[in-house]
Protein backbone atom coordinates (compact mmCIF):
# COMPACT_ATOMS: atom_id res chain seq x y z
CA MET A 1 135.00 -100.61 104.75
CA SER A 2 137.83 -98.16 105.30
CA THR A 3 137.27 -94.75 106.81
CA THR A 4 139.29 -91.74 105.73
CA CYS A 5 140.36 -89.58 108.62
CA VAL A 6 140.00 -85.90 107.85
CA PRO A 7 142.11 -83.65 110.07
CA PRO A 8 140.08 -81.05 111.91
CA ALA A 9 140.17 -77.52 110.55
CA PRO A 10 142.58 -75.25 112.36
CA PRO A 11 140.89 -73.08 114.97
CA VAL A 12 139.98 -69.59 113.83
CA PRO A 13 142.04 -67.11 115.86
CA THR A 14 140.00 -65.04 118.24
CA VAL A 15 140.21 -61.35 117.48
CA SER A 16 139.50 -58.90 120.27
CA VAL A 17 136.91 -56.17 119.83
CA ARG A 18 139.64 -53.55 119.88
CA ARG A 19 141.60 -55.27 117.11
CA LYS A 20 138.41 -55.79 115.14
CA VAL A 21 137.60 -52.09 115.27
CA SER A 22 141.18 -51.24 114.30
CA ALA A 23 140.92 -53.66 111.38
CA TYR A 24 137.75 -52.01 110.11
CA ILE A 25 139.43 -48.61 110.37
CA ALA A 26 142.49 -49.91 108.49
CA LEU A 27 140.17 -51.24 105.78
CA THR A 28 139.10 -47.66 104.98
CA LYS A 29 142.70 -46.56 104.24
CA PRO A 30 142.77 -43.64 106.71
CA ARG A 31 145.83 -41.97 105.15
CA ILE A 32 144.03 -41.59 101.85
CA ILE A 33 140.99 -40.22 103.68
CA GLU A 34 143.19 -37.63 105.38
CA LEU A 35 144.55 -36.45 102.06
CA LEU A 36 141.08 -36.25 100.52
CA LEU A 37 139.78 -34.18 103.43
CA VAL A 38 142.77 -31.85 103.08
CA VAL A 39 141.41 -30.83 99.67
CA THR A 40 137.69 -30.87 100.57
CA ALA A 41 137.74 -28.37 103.44
CA PRO A 42 139.59 -25.55 101.60
CA THR A 43 137.38 -26.06 98.55
CA MET A 44 134.30 -25.47 100.69
CA ILE A 45 135.81 -22.26 102.06
CA LEU A 46 136.58 -21.08 98.54
CA ALA A 47 133.06 -21.95 97.38
CA GLN A 48 131.53 -19.99 100.28
CA ASN A 49 134.13 -17.22 99.95
CA GLY A 50 134.40 -17.49 103.72
CA ILE A 51 133.58 -19.96 106.49
CA PRO A 52 130.64 -22.16 105.42
CA ASP A 53 127.84 -23.17 107.75
CA LEU A 54 129.54 -25.33 110.40
CA TRP A 55 126.90 -28.05 110.33
CA LEU A 56 127.14 -28.27 106.55
CA PHE A 57 130.93 -28.34 106.85
CA PHE A 58 130.79 -31.20 109.37
CA ALA A 59 128.18 -33.13 107.40
CA THR A 60 130.19 -32.89 104.18
CA ILE A 61 133.47 -33.87 105.79
CA LEU A 62 131.89 -36.84 107.57
CA GLY A 63 129.98 -37.96 104.49
CA GLY A 64 133.08 -37.60 102.34
CA ALA A 65 135.16 -39.61 104.82
CA MET A 66 132.54 -42.37 104.85
CA SER A 67 132.42 -42.41 101.05
CA ALA A 68 136.21 -42.57 100.75
CA GLY A 69 136.30 -45.27 103.43
CA SER A 70 133.78 -47.35 101.51
CA ALA A 71 135.84 -47.03 98.32
CA GLY A 72 138.97 -48.04 100.23
CA ALA A 73 137.22 -51.07 101.72
CA PHE A 74 136.00 -52.19 98.29
CA ASN A 75 139.55 -51.81 96.99
CA CYS A 76 140.96 -53.95 99.81
CA TYR A 77 138.39 -56.63 99.05
CA ILE A 78 139.08 -56.59 95.30
CA ASP A 79 142.87 -56.47 95.71
CA ARG A 80 143.15 -59.02 98.52
CA ASP A 81 145.09 -61.43 96.29
CA ILE A 82 147.56 -58.70 95.34
CA ASP A 83 147.91 -57.58 98.94
CA ARG A 84 148.99 -61.09 99.95
CA VAL A 85 151.89 -60.94 97.49
CA MET A 86 153.18 -57.44 98.20
CA HIS A 87 155.28 -56.76 101.28
CA ARG A 88 153.95 -53.21 101.71
CA THR A 89 150.37 -54.48 102.03
CA LYS A 90 150.96 -57.64 104.02
CA ASN A 91 149.45 -56.15 107.19
CA ARG A 92 146.08 -55.26 105.69
CA PRO A 93 143.21 -56.91 107.61
CA LEU A 94 142.14 -59.31 104.85
CA VAL A 95 145.71 -60.59 104.63
CA THR A 96 146.21 -61.01 108.37
CA GLY A 97 142.80 -62.66 108.79
CA GLU A 98 141.53 -60.09 111.28
CA LEU A 99 138.54 -59.64 108.97
CA SER A 100 136.89 -62.15 106.68
CA ASN A 101 136.13 -61.42 103.04
CA GLN A 102 132.40 -61.33 103.81
CA GLU A 103 132.87 -58.92 106.70
CA ALA A 104 134.89 -56.56 104.50
CA LEU A 105 132.38 -56.64 101.64
CA VAL A 106 129.37 -56.06 103.89
CA PHE A 107 131.19 -53.21 105.63
CA ALA A 108 132.06 -51.59 102.29
CA TYR A 109 128.45 -51.72 101.09
CA VAL A 110 126.97 -50.50 104.38
CA LEU A 111 129.43 -47.63 104.70
CA GLY A 112 128.90 -46.65 101.07
CA VAL A 113 125.11 -46.63 101.29
CA ALA A 114 125.26 -44.76 104.60
CA SER A 115 127.53 -42.09 103.07
CA ILE A 116 125.20 -41.49 100.11
CA VAL A 117 122.10 -41.29 102.32
CA TRP A 118 123.90 -39.01 104.78
CA LEU A 119 125.03 -36.59 102.07
CA ALA A 120 121.61 -36.62 100.38
CA VAL A 121 119.85 -35.78 103.64
CA PHE A 122 122.28 -33.29 105.16
CA THR A 123 123.89 -31.65 102.10
CA ASN A 124 122.17 -32.05 98.72
CA LEU A 125 121.50 -34.58 95.98
CA VAL A 126 124.27 -33.26 93.74
CA ALA A 127 126.93 -33.92 96.39
CA ALA A 128 125.42 -37.34 97.12
CA ALA A 129 125.42 -38.29 93.42
CA LEU A 130 129.04 -37.18 93.00
CA SER A 131 129.98 -39.23 96.05
CA LEU A 132 128.33 -42.33 94.58
CA LEU A 133 130.21 -41.70 91.34
CA ALA A 134 133.50 -41.45 93.25
CA ILE A 135 132.93 -44.85 94.89
CA LEU A 136 132.10 -46.46 91.54
CA LEU A 137 135.12 -44.87 89.87
CA TYR A 138 137.54 -46.20 92.50
CA ALA A 139 135.98 -49.60 93.12
CA VAL A 140 134.96 -50.51 89.56
CA PHE A 141 136.72 -48.25 87.03
CA TYR A 142 140.13 -48.32 88.76
CA SER A 143 140.27 -51.43 90.96
CA ILE A 144 138.47 -53.89 88.65
CA ILE A 145 138.89 -52.53 85.11
CA LEU A 146 142.13 -50.54 84.93
CA LYS A 147 144.58 -51.58 87.63
CA ARG A 148 145.49 -55.01 86.27
CA ARG A 149 145.16 -54.17 82.58
CA THR A 150 147.04 -50.98 81.72
CA ALA A 151 150.05 -48.94 82.76
CA GLN A 152 147.79 -45.90 82.57
CA ASN A 153 145.79 -47.21 85.53
CA ILE A 154 146.89 -44.42 87.86
CA VAL A 155 146.26 -41.68 85.31
CA TRP A 156 142.61 -42.46 84.64
CA GLY A 157 141.93 -44.29 87.87
CA GLY A 158 143.05 -41.16 89.69
CA VAL A 159 139.82 -39.46 88.64
CA ALA A 160 138.20 -40.91 91.77
CA GLY A 161 140.67 -39.02 93.94
CA CYS A 162 139.70 -35.76 92.25
CA MET A 163 136.03 -36.03 93.18
CA PRO A 164 136.20 -34.58 96.74
CA VAL A 165 136.69 -31.04 95.40
CA LEU A 166 133.55 -31.37 93.29
CA ILE A 167 131.64 -32.82 96.24
CA GLY A 168 132.78 -30.04 98.58
CA TRP A 169 131.89 -27.31 96.10
CA ALA A 170 128.50 -28.85 95.30
CA ALA A 171 127.69 -29.22 99.00
CA VAL A 172 128.09 -25.46 99.46
CA THR A 173 126.65 -24.14 96.19
CA GLY A 174 124.35 -26.91 95.00
CA GLY A 175 126.15 -27.04 91.64
CA LEU A 176 129.51 -26.77 89.92
CA ALA A 177 131.57 -23.99 88.32
CA TRP A 178 134.99 -23.42 86.75
CA PRO A 179 137.03 -23.13 90.00
CA PRO A 180 136.26 -26.69 91.18
CA VAL A 181 136.97 -27.93 87.65
CA ILE A 182 140.45 -26.36 87.86
CA LEU A 183 140.96 -27.91 91.32
CA PHE A 184 139.82 -31.25 89.88
CA LEU A 185 142.39 -30.98 87.09
CA ILE A 186 145.15 -30.04 89.53
CA ILE A 187 144.63 -33.28 91.47
CA PHE A 188 144.20 -35.27 88.24
CA LEU A 189 147.57 -34.07 86.90
CA TRP A 190 149.22 -34.37 90.34
CA THR A 191 148.32 -38.04 90.81
CA PRO A 192 150.91 -39.57 88.40
CA PRO A 193 153.95 -37.69 89.81
CA HIS A 194 152.64 -38.60 93.26
CA TYR A 195 152.12 -42.32 92.68
CA TRP A 196 154.62 -43.30 89.98
CA PRO A 197 157.64 -42.66 92.26
CA LEU A 198 156.02 -45.00 94.80
CA SER A 199 155.63 -47.62 92.09
CA MET A 200 159.33 -47.17 91.25
CA LYS A 201 160.28 -48.01 94.82
CA TYR A 202 158.03 -51.08 94.92
CA ARG A 203 158.57 -52.08 91.30
CA ASP A 204 159.54 -55.69 92.07
CA GLU A 205 156.47 -56.17 94.25
CA TYR A 206 154.09 -54.84 91.62
CA GLU A 207 155.77 -57.06 89.03
CA ALA A 208 155.42 -60.11 91.26
CA ALA A 209 151.75 -59.28 91.78
CA GLY A 210 151.16 -58.92 88.05
CA VAL A 211 150.16 -55.24 88.24
CA PRO A 212 151.43 -53.35 85.15
CA MET A 213 152.40 -50.11 86.82
CA LEU A 214 154.37 -47.79 84.55
CA ALA A 215 157.56 -48.53 86.49
CA VAL A 216 157.09 -52.23 85.74
CA VAL A 217 156.60 -51.95 81.98
CA ARG A 218 158.87 -48.96 81.22
CA ALA A 219 162.49 -48.11 81.98
CA ARG A 220 162.97 -45.87 84.99
CA ALA A 221 164.25 -43.00 82.82
CA GLN A 222 160.96 -43.06 80.90
CA VAL A 223 159.04 -43.01 84.17
CA GLY A 224 161.18 -40.10 85.37
CA LEU A 225 160.42 -38.17 82.20
CA GLN A 226 156.68 -38.75 82.62
CA VAL A 227 156.92 -37.51 86.21
CA ILE A 228 158.54 -34.29 84.95
CA LEU A 229 155.86 -33.69 82.32
CA TYR A 230 153.00 -34.20 84.75
CA ALA A 231 154.70 -32.07 87.41
CA TRP A 232 154.99 -29.16 84.98
CA ALA A 233 151.39 -29.63 83.89
CA THR A 234 150.24 -29.67 87.52
CA VAL A 235 151.96 -26.39 88.33
CA ALA A 236 150.71 -24.74 85.14
CA CYS A 237 147.15 -25.82 85.93
CA SER A 238 147.45 -24.51 89.50
CA LEU A 239 148.22 -21.04 88.12
CA LEU A 240 145.01 -21.10 86.07
CA LEU A 241 143.10 -20.79 89.34
CA VAL A 242 144.52 -17.29 89.88
CA PRO A 243 142.44 -15.60 87.16
CA VAL A 244 139.54 -18.07 87.28
CA ALA A 245 138.90 -17.73 91.04
CA ASP A 246 140.52 -14.33 91.55
CA MET A 247 143.11 -15.78 93.90
CA GLY A 248 145.43 -13.47 95.80
CA LEU A 249 149.12 -13.19 96.57
CA ILE A 250 149.26 -15.97 99.20
CA TYR A 251 147.90 -18.61 96.85
CA THR A 252 149.90 -17.35 93.88
CA ALA A 253 153.14 -17.41 95.85
CA SER A 254 152.52 -20.92 97.18
CA ALA A 255 151.61 -22.18 93.70
CA ILE A 256 154.90 -20.83 92.34
CA VAL A 257 157.22 -21.72 95.24
CA ALA A 258 155.77 -25.12 96.11
CA GLY A 259 155.35 -25.87 92.41
CA GLY A 260 158.98 -25.01 91.80
CA TRP A 261 159.98 -27.45 94.54
CA LEU A 262 157.86 -30.22 92.97
CA ILE A 263 159.38 -29.58 89.55
CA TYR A 264 162.91 -29.54 91.01
CA GLU A 265 162.40 -32.91 92.71
CA ALA A 266 160.91 -34.34 89.50
CA HIS A 267 163.95 -33.22 87.47
CA ARG A 268 166.26 -34.56 90.17
CA LEU A 269 164.56 -37.96 89.98
CA TYR A 270 164.90 -37.97 86.18
CA GLY A 271 168.59 -37.09 86.40
CA MET A 272 169.18 -39.95 88.83
CA SER A 273 167.13 -42.29 86.62
CA LEU A 274 169.48 -41.66 83.68
CA ARG A 275 172.38 -42.97 85.71
CA HIS A 276 172.86 -46.60 86.63
CA GLY A 277 173.09 -45.96 90.36
CA PRO A 278 170.30 -45.96 92.95
CA VAL A 279 167.46 -43.46 92.77
CA ALA A 280 165.43 -41.82 95.55
CA PRO A 281 161.84 -41.83 94.25
CA MET A 282 160.28 -41.38 97.68
CA ARG A 283 161.63 -37.83 97.80
CA VAL A 284 159.22 -36.94 95.02
CA PHE A 285 156.45 -38.92 96.69
CA HIS A 286 156.75 -37.05 99.99
CA CYS A 287 157.32 -33.75 98.20
CA SER A 288 154.09 -34.25 96.25
CA ILE A 289 152.11 -34.71 99.46
CA ALA A 290 153.61 -31.56 100.98
CA TYR A 291 152.95 -29.68 97.73
CA LEU A 292 149.26 -30.56 97.55
CA SER A 293 148.73 -29.90 101.25
CA LEU A 294 150.37 -26.47 101.06
CA LEU A 295 148.57 -25.53 97.85
CA PHE A 296 145.13 -26.37 99.23
CA LEU A 297 145.93 -24.76 102.57
CA THR A 298 146.33 -21.48 100.73
CA VAL A 299 143.17 -22.20 98.70
CA GLY A 300 141.36 -21.98 102.04
CA ILE A 301 143.39 -19.10 103.48
CA ASP A 302 143.09 -16.82 100.45
CA PRO A 303 139.33 -16.12 100.69
CA LEU A 304 139.59 -15.57 104.43
CA LEU A 305 142.29 -12.96 103.86
CA ARG A 306 140.07 -11.24 101.31
CA ILE A 307 137.47 -10.82 104.07
CA ALA A 308 139.95 -9.69 106.70
CA LEU A 309 141.92 -7.44 104.34
CA PRO A 310 139.57 -6.08 101.66
CA ARG A 311 141.31 -4.96 98.51
């Protein structure tokens, strides 16, 4: 009777504790967390019309970071096949093997449950419920349902990225009002001109991965035009906050000046897209980050100035 020799499985590389911790941190997508916290903190100041209780502020920021980290970890788990194809994601921990699929999934669930419990205990149930909704929107609505099926994935999937302003406002007030709705809409309209230029740069990678980003299924001039329309809508929506939340000169000036810069870069990208030469989509991408950061910085500064300099 013949015996088939089966080669031994290759040894699993040993990962140090330090690299393991770094891999778990990378799984949460820290850069996205940073951007989400940039909008949460000023929203809480606006909701309080001053500096909120410091413990509540800390609890909300930590809970929000945990919630966003859980959503990011779920996304890495769901998109692990895509990440292996794309050059820009080749160093994510599920691609490098620093974390197993099971480790990532367990971490995502544990972090998500911990964030909801934390917010429910130390803020309120409204903030906790909104945080749970944000995780579901990103992990299920965007990552599973939309991303691989429609070119509008970023538009509607971006709703998850708008949730931190609602969570921050609810943590302070226990409910919602028109100002956080306007802030929600600002981020909603900002997401396409933020992400579509990135998809233009990595168009070939998204196409290879089978992800129908707008830049994959439409000509770059059409994408450029859509970026312009959403940039104008973002700036227009930002000005609605002036009467709704009684914003002052600092916010109004930043909304106009920074908004003008965003619109200029969007038009510049469209002009370059009409020509056959190379385009520079990352200028709009980086501009959009600076725009949102500056806008929300003044969202937080404006109420503090109202206290220091009464009208």
